[in-house]
Each structure stands twice: as C-alpha cells, then as structure tokens.
N, C-alpha and C. Protein backbone atom coordinates (compact mmCIF):
# COMPACT_ATOMS: atom_id res chain seq x y z
N UNK A 1 0.85 -1.17 0.00
CA UNK A 1 0.00 0.00 0.00
C UNK A 1 0.90 1.24 0.00
N UNK A 2 0.59 2.16 -0.86
CA UNK A 2 1.31 3.43 -0.95
C UNK A 2 0.85 4.34 0.18
N UNK A 3 1.79 5.06 0.81
CA UNK A 3 1.47 5.99 1.92
C UNK A 3 1.84 7.40 1.51
N UNK A 4 0.90 8.32 1.71
CA UNK A 4 1.09 9.72 1.32
C UNK A 4 0.63 10.62 2.45
N UNK A 5 1.44 11.62 2.79
CA UNK A 5 1.05 12.63 3.78
C UNK A 5 0.70 13.90 3.02
N UNK A 6 -0.50 14.44 3.30
CA UNK A 6 -0.97 15.66 2.63
C UNK A 6 -1.49 16.62 3.66
N UNK A 7 -1.28 17.88 3.42
CA UNK A 7 -1.85 18.93 4.24
C UNK A 7 -3.24 19.23 3.70
N UNK A 8 -4.19 19.48 4.60
CA UNK A 8 -5.55 19.73 4.16
C UNK A 8 -5.62 20.89 3.17
N UNK A 9 -4.80 21.91 3.38
CA UNK A 9 -4.81 23.09 2.51
C UNK A 9 -4.43 22.75 1.07
N UNK A 10 -3.69 21.67 0.87
CA UNK A 10 -3.23 21.33 -0.48
C UNK A 10 -4.06 20.23 -1.14
N UNK A 11 -5.16 19.82 -0.52
CA UNK A 11 -5.99 18.75 -1.10
C UNK A 11 -6.75 19.26 -2.31
N UNK A 12 -6.86 18.39 -3.31
CA UNK A 12 -7.71 18.74 -4.45
C UNK A 12 -9.16 18.47 -4.08
N UNK A 13 -10.07 18.91 -4.92
CA UNK A 13 -11.51 18.80 -4.63
C UNK A 13 -11.94 17.34 -4.44
N UNK A 14 -11.37 16.42 -5.21
CA UNK A 14 -11.74 15.01 -5.10
C UNK A 14 -11.40 14.46 -3.72
N UNK A 15 -10.19 14.73 -3.23
CA UNK A 15 -9.81 14.23 -1.91
C UNK A 15 -10.60 14.91 -0.80
N UNK A 16 -10.92 16.18 -0.96
CA UNK A 16 -11.76 16.86 0.05
C UNK A 16 -13.14 16.22 0.11
N UNK A 17 -13.70 15.89 -1.05
CA UNK A 17 -15.01 15.23 -1.08
C UNK A 17 -14.94 13.85 -0.44
N UNK A 18 -13.87 13.12 -0.72
CA UNK A 18 -13.71 11.78 -0.13
C UNK A 18 -13.54 11.86 1.39
N UNK A 19 -12.82 12.89 1.84
CA UNK A 19 -12.64 13.08 3.28
C UNK A 19 -13.98 13.39 3.95
N UNK A 20 -14.78 14.24 3.33
CA UNK A 20 -16.10 14.56 3.87
C UNK A 20 -17.00 13.33 3.89
N UNK A 21 -16.91 12.50 2.86
CA UNK A 21 -17.72 11.28 2.80
C UNK A 21 -17.26 10.26 3.85
N UNK A 22 -15.96 10.22 4.13
CA UNK A 22 -15.43 9.27 5.11
C UNK A 22 -15.81 9.65 6.54
N UNK A 23 -16.04 10.94 6.78
CA UNK A 23 -16.38 11.43 8.12
C UNK A 23 -17.65 12.28 8.06
N UNK A 24 -18.79 11.66 7.71
CA UNK A 24 -20.02 12.45 7.54
C UNK A 24 -20.52 13.10 8.83
N UNK A 25 -20.18 12.54 9.98
CA UNK A 25 -20.61 13.10 11.26
C UNK A 25 -19.53 13.99 11.87
N UNK A 26 -18.48 14.25 11.13
CA UNK A 26 -17.36 15.03 11.65
C UNK A 26 -16.27 14.13 12.18
N UNK A 27 -15.12 14.69 12.38
CA UNK A 27 -13.97 13.95 12.89
C UNK A 27 -14.05 13.90 14.40
N UNK A 28 -13.97 12.70 14.95
CA UNK A 28 -14.07 12.50 16.38
C UNK A 28 -12.67 12.34 16.98
N UNK A 29 -12.58 12.47 18.28
CA UNK A 29 -11.30 12.35 18.98
C UNK A 29 -10.60 11.03 18.64
N UNK A 30 -11.36 9.95 18.57
CA UNK A 30 -10.79 8.63 18.27
C UNK A 30 -10.22 8.54 16.85
N UNK A 31 -10.64 9.43 15.95
CA UNK A 31 -10.17 9.42 14.56
C UNK A 31 -8.81 10.09 14.40
N UNK A 32 -8.43 10.94 15.36
CA UNK A 32 -7.22 11.73 15.24
C UNK A 32 -5.96 10.92 15.54
N UNK A 33 -4.95 11.16 14.74
CA UNK A 33 -3.62 10.62 14.97
C UNK A 33 -2.74 11.78 15.40
N UNK A 34 -1.88 11.58 16.39
CA UNK A 34 -0.99 12.63 16.87
C UNK A 34 0.45 12.23 16.57
N UNK A 35 1.22 13.19 16.05
CA UNK A 35 2.62 12.98 15.73
C UNK A 35 3.45 14.03 16.44
N UNK A 36 4.41 13.60 17.29
CA UNK A 36 5.22 14.60 17.99
C UNK A 36 6.18 15.32 17.04
N UNK A 37 6.34 16.60 17.26
CA UNK A 37 7.32 17.41 16.54
C UNK A 37 8.14 18.17 17.59
N UNK A 38 9.13 18.88 17.18
CA UNK A 38 10.02 19.58 18.10
C UNK A 38 9.31 20.52 19.05
N UNK A 39 9.95 20.78 20.17
CA UNK A 39 9.43 21.74 21.13
C UNK A 39 8.24 21.25 21.92
N UNK A 40 8.02 19.96 21.99
CA UNK A 40 6.89 19.42 22.73
C UNK A 40 5.55 19.58 22.04
N UNK A 41 5.57 20.03 20.80
CA UNK A 41 4.32 20.21 20.04
C UNK A 41 3.97 18.92 19.31
N UNK A 42 2.75 18.88 18.82
CA UNK A 42 2.26 17.75 18.02
C UNK A 42 1.52 18.27 16.81
N UNK A 43 1.54 17.48 15.75
CA UNK A 43 0.65 17.74 14.62
C UNK A 43 -0.37 16.62 14.60
N UNK A 44 -1.54 16.91 14.07
CA UNK A 44 -2.64 15.96 14.08
C UNK A 44 -3.10 15.69 12.66
N UNK A 45 -3.61 14.48 12.47
CA UNK A 45 -4.12 14.11 11.17
C UNK A 45 -5.13 12.98 11.27
N UNK A 46 -5.71 12.65 10.14
CA UNK A 46 -6.64 11.52 10.04
C UNK A 46 -6.22 10.66 8.85
N UNK A 47 -6.61 9.39 8.90
CA UNK A 47 -6.32 8.47 7.81
C UNK A 47 -7.46 8.48 6.81
N UNK A 48 -7.10 8.37 5.54
CA UNK A 48 -8.08 8.25 4.46
C UNK A 48 -7.52 7.25 3.46
N UNK A 49 -8.24 6.15 3.24
CA UNK A 49 -7.80 5.13 2.29
C UNK A 49 -8.58 5.31 0.99
N UNK A 50 -7.83 5.46 -0.10
CA UNK A 50 -8.42 5.59 -1.44
C UNK A 50 -7.70 4.58 -2.33
N UNK A 51 -8.44 3.54 -2.73
CA UNK A 51 -7.82 2.50 -3.55
C UNK A 51 -6.69 1.84 -2.79
N UNK A 52 -5.50 1.84 -3.39
CA UNK A 52 -4.34 1.23 -2.74
C UNK A 52 -3.43 2.28 -2.08
N UNK A 53 -3.99 3.46 -1.79
CA UNK A 53 -3.21 4.54 -1.18
C UNK A 53 -3.80 4.91 0.17
N UNK A 54 -2.91 4.99 1.17
CA UNK A 54 -3.28 5.45 2.50
C UNK A 54 -2.79 6.88 2.64
N UNK A 55 -3.73 7.81 2.78
CA UNK A 55 -3.40 9.22 2.98
C UNK A 55 -3.47 9.54 4.46
N UNK A 56 -2.49 10.29 4.95
CA UNK A 56 -2.58 10.92 6.25
C UNK A 56 -2.82 12.39 5.95
N UNK A 57 -4.01 12.87 6.31
CA UNK A 57 -4.38 14.26 6.07
C UNK A 57 -4.11 15.03 7.35
N UNK A 58 -3.12 15.91 7.31
CA UNK A 58 -2.77 16.67 8.51
C UNK A 58 -3.44 18.04 8.46
N UNK A 59 -3.67 18.59 9.63
CA UNK A 59 -4.29 19.90 9.73
C UNK A 59 -4.42 20.31 11.18
N UNK A 60 -4.99 21.47 11.40
CA UNK A 60 -5.27 21.95 12.76
C UNK A 60 -6.70 21.58 13.09
N UNK A 61 -6.88 20.93 14.22
CA UNK A 61 -8.21 20.48 14.63
C UNK A 61 -8.57 21.17 15.93
N UNK A 62 -9.81 21.62 16.03
CA UNK A 62 -10.32 22.28 17.22
C UNK A 62 -11.61 21.58 17.61
N UNK A 63 -11.74 21.21 18.88
CA UNK A 63 -12.92 20.48 19.33
C UNK A 63 -14.14 21.39 19.36
N UNK A 64 -15.23 20.89 18.81
CA UNK A 64 -16.53 21.58 18.83
C UNK A 64 -17.53 20.66 19.53
N UNK A 65 -18.77 21.09 19.66
CA UNK A 65 -19.77 20.29 20.36
C UNK A 65 -20.01 18.94 19.71
N UNK A 66 -19.99 18.89 18.40
CA UNK A 66 -20.26 17.63 17.69
C UNK A 66 -19.05 17.20 16.89
N UNK A 67 -18.00 16.78 17.56
CA UNK A 67 -16.81 16.32 16.86
C UNK A 67 -15.82 17.44 16.64
N UNK A 68 -14.83 17.16 15.83
CA UNK A 68 -13.75 18.10 15.60
C UNK A 68 -13.96 18.83 14.29
N UNK A 69 -13.51 20.06 14.25
CA UNK A 69 -13.59 20.87 13.04
C UNK A 69 -12.17 21.10 12.56
N UNK A 70 -11.95 20.91 11.28
CA UNK A 70 -10.65 21.16 10.71
C UNK A 70 -10.54 22.63 10.37
N UNK A 71 -9.51 23.27 10.88
CA UNK A 71 -9.29 24.69 10.64
C UNK A 71 -7.98 24.86 9.90
N UNK A 72 -7.89 25.89 9.12
CA UNK A 72 -6.65 26.16 8.41
C UNK A 72 -6.43 27.66 8.37
N UNK A 73 -5.18 28.05 8.15
CA UNK A 73 -4.86 29.47 8.10
C UNK A 73 -5.68 30.16 7.04
N UNK A 74 -6.09 31.37 7.34
CA UNK A 74 -6.85 32.13 6.37
C UNK A 74 -8.35 31.95 6.50
N UNK A 75 -8.80 31.08 7.40
CA UNK A 75 -10.23 30.90 7.58
C UNK A 75 -10.81 32.18 8.15
N UNK A 76 -12.02 32.50 7.75
CA UNK A 76 -12.67 33.71 8.25
C UNK A 76 -12.64 33.72 9.77
N UNK A 77 -12.36 34.87 10.33
CA UNK A 77 -12.30 34.98 11.78
C UNK A 77 -10.92 34.69 12.34
N UNK A 78 -9.99 34.25 11.51
CA UNK A 78 -8.63 34.01 11.96
C UNK A 78 -8.47 32.81 12.86
N UNK A 79 -9.42 31.91 12.89
CA UNK A 79 -9.34 30.77 13.79
C UNK A 79 -8.21 29.81 13.43
N UNK A 80 -7.61 29.95 12.28
CA UNK A 80 -6.53 29.06 11.90
C UNK A 80 -5.21 29.39 12.56
N UNK A 81 -5.09 30.53 13.22
CA UNK A 81 -3.84 30.93 13.86
C UNK A 81 -3.88 30.55 15.33
N UNK A 82 -3.19 29.46 15.70
CA UNK A 82 -3.18 28.98 17.08
C UNK A 82 -1.80 29.21 17.68
N UNK A 83 -1.76 29.41 18.97
CA UNK A 83 -0.47 29.47 19.66
C UNK A 83 0.04 28.06 19.89
N UNK A 84 1.29 27.96 20.29
CA UNK A 84 1.89 26.64 20.53
C UNK A 84 1.21 25.90 21.68
N UNK A 85 0.57 26.62 22.59
CA UNK A 85 -0.06 25.97 23.72
C UNK A 85 -1.42 25.38 23.38
N UNK A 86 -2.02 25.77 22.27
CA UNK A 86 -3.34 25.28 21.92
C UNK A 86 -3.30 23.80 21.62
N UNK A 87 -4.20 23.07 22.20
CA UNK A 87 -4.34 21.64 21.96
C UNK A 87 -5.73 21.40 21.36
N UNK A 88 -5.88 20.39 20.51
CA UNK A 88 -7.19 20.15 19.93
C UNK A 88 -8.17 19.55 20.91
N UNK A 89 -7.72 19.10 22.06
CA UNK A 89 -8.60 18.57 23.11
C UNK A 89 -7.89 18.55 24.41
C-alpha cells in the first residue's frame, strides 16, 4: 500500500469530497492521529484510504460540540492561527 502525507490546505476537490464522505458526522477524537514534533508540540491528522493509497491528512483540529472541526490558516475569523499551547482537546 502506498502511503502519502498531505496537508488539508493542499488537497484537491476530489480528496476533500472523499474526506467529507469518510467522516459524515465530523472527525471524532478517536479518529485523530498525533505525531510529535520539536518543542513538545504535536501535529494531528486523520487516515483516508483511497484504492491502494493510505493518505494521512494533517491539519489543525479544534474540538466543537459535535466532533472536531478542521481549521486552516486564512479561515474567516482568523481561527486558523493557534499558539503553541493550543491543543485540539
């Protein structure tokens, strides 16, 4: 199986649609994968299998009432800009 890491911001429309179809109720805490990076920080992502390819879609996740919301820089309201202390849960 081929493994690919993609940032949500760089996804094409087809992969965004597949991601939405894979998580119709939103991304839940159990769906998130955490990867440690320098300085005690972590990046988060979710798995998406398309054919013989396993995608890890990384992004900034913020907990909402009904699952997690994927946020990215440039989103209206500036919610994509988090400090290093912000955790998704």
